[in-house]
Amino acid sequence: MSSDISMQLQAQVLEAYNNKTPLKIQAGNSKAFYGRQIDADLLDISDHQGIISYEPTELVITARAGTRLSEIESTLMQNNQMLAFEPPAFADNASLGGTIACGFSGPRRAYAGAARDYVLGCNMINGRAEKLKFGGQVMKNVAGYDASRLMCGAMGTLGVLLELSLKVVPLPEYEVTLSHKCDPYQALQNMHRWKKLSYPISASCFDGKDLHIRLSGNESAVTSAQQAIGGDILKQASAFWLQLKEQTQDFFNSDKAIWRLSLASNAPPLNLPGDSLYEWGGALRWLKTDEPADRIRDLLASIGGHATLFRNNINHVEAQHPLSEGVFKIHKKLKHAFDPENILNPGRLYKDL
């Protein structure tokens, strides 16, 4: 059945390639709010789903791209395992392929690695309707440069993901979240100091008033770090981190533009109006504001960062931070190599890609 669906998808891409017809790749459509909106024929991969193989002892899972993220996580949970990059779903019908295509990682990312760090391999259809396979199911197959990781964050512009193999990790033995009242400067100072001391930190969040630090690992290491860090134990911590990951907190419930700011974690608080929320030890900062896009991006660029308009898109404002001329040329060459007729999600990531 799944092979039939795969063949149907390949046939649809081949027809689009021959006719130079653009395609919009979609499964659960849970990420429709993110990036640029495009007008194209639908390529629906939602029926291409199911876990192909899962070896708990090998810490590897392989599944079709249309498989719901919730099914992946439920299966792993039964074996006390998890996706280390803690991906957000944003909806019950979120798919594995969409998660990897957007390159989304959650609160654990700064301490455990990004989604791309756990992609071992993928099967995909390129813009010529050719089936390609990259990587494998073990780390030794992805040593050096691996094209499968290019798919992370490409938003379907390089190919239609069919299957993905991911490395998984055991659930932590013990967790506790500690809270400290402080200002932004103190929060940044504490996050950096504690990380240098190699405490088992797995997530951090500063909401403007309280700094929350999640410790994960074996009980003795967590307890020792807890005694050193101090602070109040956050009750219902699991619910707190889930709400942060899925952006269901009040902070994200707004009509204002919500910007995703990526910058050096030791950068001081930015002189921008609006409300801020820090994650990833200060390297990810959410900004809720009506400030003009040019001012935000100019400021971020001046300190080596970039700004993505993540939610509540503003008319005539590009979602992604503009690329430098050199980097854009590399993107163009990659796009042409994988999709020479520009039929796969054209303009979804950048207007001219």
Protein backbone atom coordinates (compact mmCIF):
# COMPACT_ATOMS: atom_id res chain seq x y z
CA MET A 1 0.00 0.00 0.00
CA SER A 2 2.71 2.48 1.00
CA SER A 3 4.77 1.57 -2.06
CA ASP A 4 1.71 2.35 -4.20
CA ILE A 5 1.38 5.76 -2.52
CA SER A 6 5.08 6.39 -3.06
CA MET A 7 4.70 5.58 -6.75
CA GLN A 8 1.66 7.86 -7.02
CA LEU A 9 3.64 10.71 -5.46
CA GLN A 10 6.52 10.10 -7.83
CA ALA A 11 4.14 10.08 -10.81
CA GLN A 12 2.60 13.37 -9.71
CA VAL A 13 6.04 14.97 -9.37
CA LEU A 14 7.02 13.63 -12.82
CA GLU A 15 3.92 15.14 -14.38
CA ALA A 16 4.61 18.46 -12.68
CA TYR A 17 8.23 18.35 -13.87
CA ASN A 18 7.18 17.72 -17.46
CA ASN A 19 4.56 20.46 -17.35
CA LYS A 20 6.61 22.83 -15.18
CA THR A 21 3.70 22.98 -12.73
CA PRO A 22 4.52 24.10 -9.16
CA LEU A 23 3.58 21.79 -6.28
CA LYS A 24 2.79 22.55 -2.66
CA ILE A 25 3.93 19.67 -0.43
CA GLN A 26 1.62 19.05 2.51
CA ALA A 27 0.80 16.41 5.11
CA GLY A 28 -0.85 17.60 8.33
CA ASN A 29 -0.57 21.29 7.35
CA SER A 30 0.21 22.13 10.97
CA LYS A 31 3.00 24.51 9.91
CA ALA A 32 0.90 26.54 7.46
CA PHE A 33 1.41 29.68 9.57
CA TYR A 34 5.18 29.53 9.09
CA GLY A 35 7.09 30.93 6.13
CA ARG A 36 5.75 32.29 2.86
CA GLN A 37 2.37 31.27 1.43
CA ILE A 38 2.40 29.90 -2.11
CA ASP A 39 -0.17 29.18 -4.81
CA ALA A 40 0.47 25.72 -6.30
CA ASP A 41 -1.11 22.32 -6.89
CA LEU A 42 -1.33 20.18 -3.76
CA LEU A 43 1.00 17.22 -3.33
CA ASP A 44 -0.59 15.44 -0.36
CA ILE A 45 1.69 13.02 1.48
CA SER A 46 -0.55 12.55 4.53
CA ASP A 47 -1.43 8.97 3.54
CA HIS A 48 2.22 7.98 3.23
CA GLN A 49 2.57 7.07 6.87
CA GLY A 50 3.60 4.37 9.28
CA ILE A 51 6.66 3.30 11.27
CA ILE A 52 8.85 1.12 9.05
CA SER A 53 11.32 -0.10 11.66
CA TYR A 54 12.20 0.64 15.24
CA GLU A 55 15.12 -0.88 17.09
CA PRO A 56 15.03 0.29 20.74
CA THR A 57 18.37 -1.35 21.49
CA GLU A 58 19.95 0.42 18.50
CA LEU A 59 18.28 3.77 19.32
CA VAL A 60 17.02 4.20 15.74
CA ILE A 61 13.55 4.68 14.30
CA THR A 62 12.59 4.84 10.62
CA ALA A 63 9.19 6.11 9.54
CA ARG A 64 7.40 7.49 6.51
CA ALA A 65 7.19 11.26 6.25
CA GLY A 66 3.42 11.44 6.65
CA THR A 67 3.53 9.61 10.00
CA ARG A 68 2.09 11.69 12.80
CA LEU A 69 4.65 13.03 15.22
CA SER A 70 2.39 11.92 18.07
CA GLU A 71 2.61 8.30 16.88
CA ILE A 72 6.40 8.48 16.80
CA GLU A 73 6.57 9.94 20.31
CA SER A 74 4.01 7.49 21.73
CA THR A 75 5.93 4.51 20.32
CA LEU A 76 9.19 5.79 21.76
CA MET A 77 7.59 6.50 25.12
CA GLN A 78 6.57 2.84 25.44
CA ASN A 79 10.26 2.01 25.45
CA ASN A 80 11.30 4.92 27.70
CA GLN A 81 12.86 6.75 24.77
CA MET A 82 12.34 10.12 23.11
CA LEU A 83 13.35 12.47 20.30
CA ALA A 84 16.25 14.36 21.83
CA PHE A 85 15.52 17.63 20.03
CA GLU A 86 12.03 17.79 21.60
CA PRO A 87 10.22 19.02 18.46
CA PRO A 88 7.07 21.13 18.70
CA ALA A 89 3.98 19.85 16.89
CA PHE A 90 1.66 22.88 17.01
CA ALA A 91 -1.26 20.55 16.11
CA ASP A 92 -2.38 16.95 16.66
CA ASN A 93 -1.92 16.13 12.97
CA ALA A 94 1.70 17.30 12.76
CA SER A 95 3.81 14.96 10.63
CA LEU A 96 7.38 13.78 10.93
CA GLY A 97 8.20 15.06 7.44
CA GLY A 98 6.88 18.54 8.14
CA THR A 99 8.78 18.71 11.42
CA ILE A 100 12.08 17.88 9.73
CA ALA A 101 11.35 20.02 6.66
CA CYS A 102 10.87 23.04 8.93
CA GLY A 103 13.85 22.07 11.08
CA PHE A 104 11.94 22.70 14.29
CA SER A 105 13.54 21.91 17.66
CA GLY A 106 12.16 22.56 21.12
CA PRO A 107 13.47 23.66 24.54
CA ARG A 108 16.11 20.90 24.68
CA ARG A 109 17.84 22.04 21.47
CA ALA A 110 20.60 24.18 23.02
CA TYR A 111 21.70 21.36 25.30
CA ALA A 112 21.08 18.22 23.23
CA GLY A 113 21.39 19.36 19.62
CA ALA A 114 19.10 20.33 16.74
CA ALA A 115 16.81 18.19 14.60
CA ARG A 116 19.45 17.88 11.87
CA ASP A 117 21.89 16.35 14.37
CA TYR A 118 19.61 13.32 14.75
CA VAL A 119 18.73 12.69 11.10
CA LEU A 120 20.62 9.57 10.05
CA GLY A 121 19.18 9.24 6.56
CA CYS A 122 16.26 9.89 4.26
CA ASN A 123 14.54 8.71 1.10
CA MET A 124 13.12 11.48 -1.07
CA ILE A 125 11.89 12.49 -4.51
CA ASN A 126 13.75 15.35 -6.15
CA GLY A 127 12.37 17.87 -8.65
CA ARG A 128 13.14 15.54 -11.55
CA ALA A 129 10.92 12.86 -9.97
CA GLU A 130 13.98 10.74 -9.17
CA LYS A 131 14.00 8.76 -5.95
CA LEU A 132 17.15 9.44 -3.95
CA LYS A 133 18.51 7.93 -0.76
CA PHE A 134 20.98 9.59 1.56
CA GLY A 135 22.60 8.35 4.76
CA GLY A 136 21.36 5.24 6.50
CA GLN A 137 20.35 3.93 9.89
CA VAL A 138 23.66 4.12 11.73
CA MET A 139 25.96 7.02 12.50
CA LYS A 140 28.88 5.62 10.47
CA ASN A 141 26.79 6.03 7.30
CA VAL A 142 26.50 9.76 7.80
CA ALA A 143 30.10 10.67 8.58
CA GLY A 144 31.17 13.86 6.83
CA TYR A 145 28.88 15.83 4.55
CA ASP A 146 25.43 14.32 4.29
CA ALA A 147 22.70 15.61 1.98
CA SER A 148 19.93 14.28 4.23
CA ARG A 149 20.66 17.06 6.70
CA LEU A 150 20.17 19.64 3.97
CA MET A 151 16.49 18.73 4.11
CA CYS A 152 16.24 20.06 7.67
CA GLY A 153 14.85 23.57 7.35
CA ALA A 154 14.63 23.50 3.54
CA MET A 155 10.82 23.50 3.82
CA GLY A 156 10.38 21.08 0.94
CA THR A 157 12.19 23.25 -1.59
CA LEU A 158 14.80 20.57 -2.31
CA GLY A 159 12.68 17.44 -2.35
CA VAL A 160 9.66 15.48 -1.19
CA LEU A 161 10.59 13.55 1.92
CA LEU A 162 9.36 9.95 1.85
CA GLU A 163 11.16 8.20 4.71
CA LEU A 164 13.35 9.37 7.58
CA SER A 165 15.68 7.53 9.95
CA LEU A 166 16.33 9.27 13.27
CA LYS A 167 18.55 8.59 16.21
CA VAL A 168 16.60 8.53 19.49
CA VAL A 169 17.73 8.72 23.11
CA PRO A 170 16.58 7.29 26.47
CA LEU A 171 14.26 9.33 28.61
CA PRO A 172 16.07 11.02 31.48
CA GLU A 173 16.03 9.12 34.73
CA TYR A 174 15.14 12.16 36.80
CA GLU A 175 14.05 15.77 36.19
CA VAL A 176 13.40 18.87 38.21
CA THR A 177 12.74 22.49 37.21
CA LEU A 178 14.01 25.34 39.38
CA SER A 179 12.77 28.94 39.28
CA HIS A 180 14.54 32.19 40.21
CA LYS A 181 13.14 35.72 40.17
CA CYS A 182 15.59 38.01 38.41
CA ASP A 183 16.04 40.63 35.71
CA PRO A 184 17.22 39.90 32.13
CA TYR A 185 20.87 40.65 32.88
CA GLN A 186 20.89 38.33 35.89
CA ALA A 187 19.08 35.65 33.90
CA LEU A 188 21.70 35.69 31.12
CA GLN A 189 24.55 35.72 33.62
CA ASN A 190 23.12 32.75 35.53
CA MET A 191 22.41 30.69 32.42
CA HIS A 192 26.00 31.10 31.20
CA ARG A 193 27.60 30.51 34.58
CA TRP A 194 25.63 27.34 35.23
CA LYS A 195 26.29 25.94 31.77
CA LYS A 196 30.05 26.45 32.22
CA LEU A 197 29.82 24.42 35.42
CA SER A 198 28.50 21.46 33.38
CA TYR A 199 25.28 21.10 35.29
CA PRO A 200 22.81 18.70 33.58
CA ILE A 201 20.65 21.51 32.16
CA SER A 202 18.17 20.39 29.49
CA ALA A 203 16.11 23.57 29.07
CA SER A 204 16.03 27.21 30.12
CA CYS A 205 13.44 29.95 29.86
CA PHE A 206 13.28 33.53 31.08
CA ASP A 207 9.83 35.08 30.80
CA GLY A 208 10.74 38.60 31.92
CA LYS A 209 10.36 37.93 35.63
CA ASP A 210 11.32 34.34 36.34
CA LEU A 211 14.20 32.22 35.11
CA HIS A 212 13.27 28.54 34.81
CA ILE A 213 16.01 25.91 34.58
CA ARG A 214 15.25 22.26 33.87
CA LEU A 215 17.75 19.68 35.09
CA SER A 216 17.68 16.19 33.55
CA GLY A 217 19.81 13.11 34.06
CA ASN A 218 20.57 10.57 36.75
CA GLU A 219 19.16 11.41 40.16
CA SER A 220 22.48 12.01 41.90
CA ALA A 221 23.71 14.48 39.25
CA VAL A 222 20.40 16.36 39.18
CA THR A 223 20.18 16.51 42.98
CA SER A 224 23.73 17.79 43.24
CA ALA A 225 23.08 20.53 40.67
CA GLN A 226 19.79 21.40 42.33
CA GLN A 227 21.54 22.01 45.64
CA ALA A 228 24.15 24.20 43.97
CA ILE A 229 21.70 26.26 41.88
CA GLY A 230 18.96 26.60 44.48
CA GLY A 231 15.65 28.29 43.77
CA ASP A 232 12.05 27.17 44.02
CA ILE A 233 10.89 23.90 42.54
CA LEU A 234 8.39 24.58 39.76
CA LYS A 235 5.23 22.57 40.26
CA GLN A 236 3.64 21.04 37.15
CA ALA A 237 6.90 21.56 35.32
CA SER A 238 6.02 19.08 32.57
CA ALA A 239 2.97 21.16 31.67
CA PHE A 240 5.05 24.34 31.67
CA TRP A 241 7.63 22.99 29.20
CA LEU A 242 4.94 21.47 27.02
CA GLN A 243 3.13 24.80 26.79
CA LEU A 244 6.40 26.54 25.95
CA LYS A 245 7.25 23.98 23.29
CA GLU A 246 3.83 24.12 21.68
CA GLN A 247 3.52 27.90 22.11
CA THR A 248 0.21 27.72 23.96
CA GLN A 249 1.37 30.14 26.65
CA ASP A 250 -0.30 33.55 26.89
CA PHE A 251 2.84 35.17 25.49
CA PHE A 252 2.18 33.62 22.06
CA ASN A 253 -1.55 34.38 22.08
CA SER A 254 -1.34 37.78 20.43
CA ASP A 255 -2.28 39.69 17.31
CA LYS A 256 1.14 41.31 17.28
CA ALA A 257 3.94 39.97 15.13
CA ILE A 258 6.02 37.34 16.93
CA TRP A 259 9.66 37.33 15.91
CA ARG A 260 12.15 34.53 16.41
CA LEU A 261 15.52 36.13 17.12
CA SER A 262 18.67 34.06 16.82
CA LEU A 263 21.83 35.60 18.24
CA ALA A 264 24.85 34.96 20.42
CA SER A 265 23.64 33.71 23.78
CA ASN A 266 25.83 36.23 25.62
CA ALA A 267 24.38 39.23 23.76
CA PRO A 268 22.85 41.71 26.24
CA PRO A 269 19.11 42.43 26.24
CA LEU A 270 18.16 44.18 23.01
CA ASN A 271 16.94 47.74 22.85
CA LEU A 272 13.66 46.88 21.12
CA PRO A 273 10.14 47.72 22.31
CA GLY A 274 7.76 44.88 23.08
CA ASP A 275 7.67 41.76 25.23
CA SER A 276 10.45 39.20 25.16
CA LEU A 277 10.86 35.58 26.17
CA TYR A 278 14.27 33.89 26.21
CA GLU A 279 15.11 30.25 25.49
CA TRP A 280 18.23 28.20 24.74
CA GLY A 281 20.40 29.98 27.28
CA GLY A 282 19.65 33.33 25.63
CA ALA A 283 20.46 32.25 22.05
CA LEU A 284 16.77 32.19 21.08
CA ARG A 285 14.66 35.20 21.98
CA TRP A 286 11.02 35.58 21.08
CA LEU A 287 9.90 39.17 20.57
CA LYS A 288 6.28 40.29 20.46
CA THR A 289 6.14 43.78 18.98
CA ASP A 290 4.75 46.23 16.42
CA GLU A 291 8.25 47.49 15.64
CA PRO A 292 9.08 47.79 11.90
CA ALA A 293 10.77 44.74 10.40
CA ASP A 294 13.72 46.75 9.01
CA ARG A 295 14.70 48.07 12.43
CA ILE A 296 14.55 44.62 14.00
CA ARG A 297 16.59 43.00 11.25
CA ASP A 298 19.13 45.79 11.03
CA LEU A 299 19.78 45.52 14.75
CA LEU A 300 20.12 41.74 14.65
CA ALA A 301 22.40 41.88 11.62
CA SER A 302 24.64 44.41 13.37
CA ILE A 303 25.38 41.88 16.12
CA GLY A 304 25.69 38.85 13.86
CA GLY A 305 22.19 37.50 14.42
CA HIS A 306 19.06 37.12 12.34
CA ALA A 307 15.32 37.63 12.77
CA THR A 308 12.52 35.42 11.46
CA LEU A 309 8.93 36.60 11.40
CA PHE A 310 7.52 33.46 12.98
CA ARG A 311 3.83 34.19 13.57
CA ASN A 312 1.22 36.76 12.55
CA ASN A 313 2.85 37.64 9.28
CA ILE A 314 2.88 41.28 8.24
CA ASN A 315 1.92 42.24 4.70
CA HIS A 316 4.88 42.65 2.35
CA VAL A 317 7.39 41.45 4.98
CA GLU A 318 9.51 38.39 4.17
CA ALA A 319 9.31 35.74 6.87
CA GLN A 320 12.97 34.69 6.68
CA HIS A 321 15.90 36.96 7.36
CA PRO A 322 17.48 38.11 4.06
CA LEU A 323 20.51 36.09 2.95
CA SER A 324 23.84 37.58 2.02
CA GLU A 325 24.67 37.55 -1.69
CA GLY A 326 27.17 34.72 -1.33
CA VAL A 327 24.91 32.50 0.75
CA PHE A 328 21.98 33.15 -1.57
CA LYS A 329 24.06 31.96 -4.54
CA ILE A 330 24.76 28.71 -2.70
CA HIS A 331 21.03 28.28 -2.03
CA LYS A 332 20.28 28.90 -5.70
CA LYS A 333 22.81 26.30 -6.82
CA LEU A 334 21.41 23.72 -4.40
CA LYS A 335 17.88 24.46 -5.52
CA HIS A 336 18.86 24.05 -9.17
CA ALA A 337 20.70 20.79 -8.47
CA PHE A 338 17.73 19.21 -6.69
CA ASP A 339 14.85 20.97 -8.45
CA PRO A 340 15.94 22.48 -11.79
CA GLU A 341 12.41 23.46 -12.90
CA ASN A 342 11.60 25.06 -9.55
CA ILE A 343 8.41 23.03 -9.00
CA LEU A 344 8.78 21.97 -5.35
CA ASN A 345 7.38 24.49 -2.88
CA PRO A 346 8.67 27.42 -4.98
CA GLY A 347 8.91 30.56 -2.87
CA ARG A 348 7.99 28.80 0.37
CA LEU A 349 11.34 29.53 2.00
CA TYR A 350 12.46 32.60 0.02
CA LYS A 351 10.67 34.45 -2.77
CA ASP A 352 13.30 33.64 -5.41
CA LEU A 353 13.92 30.00 -4.44
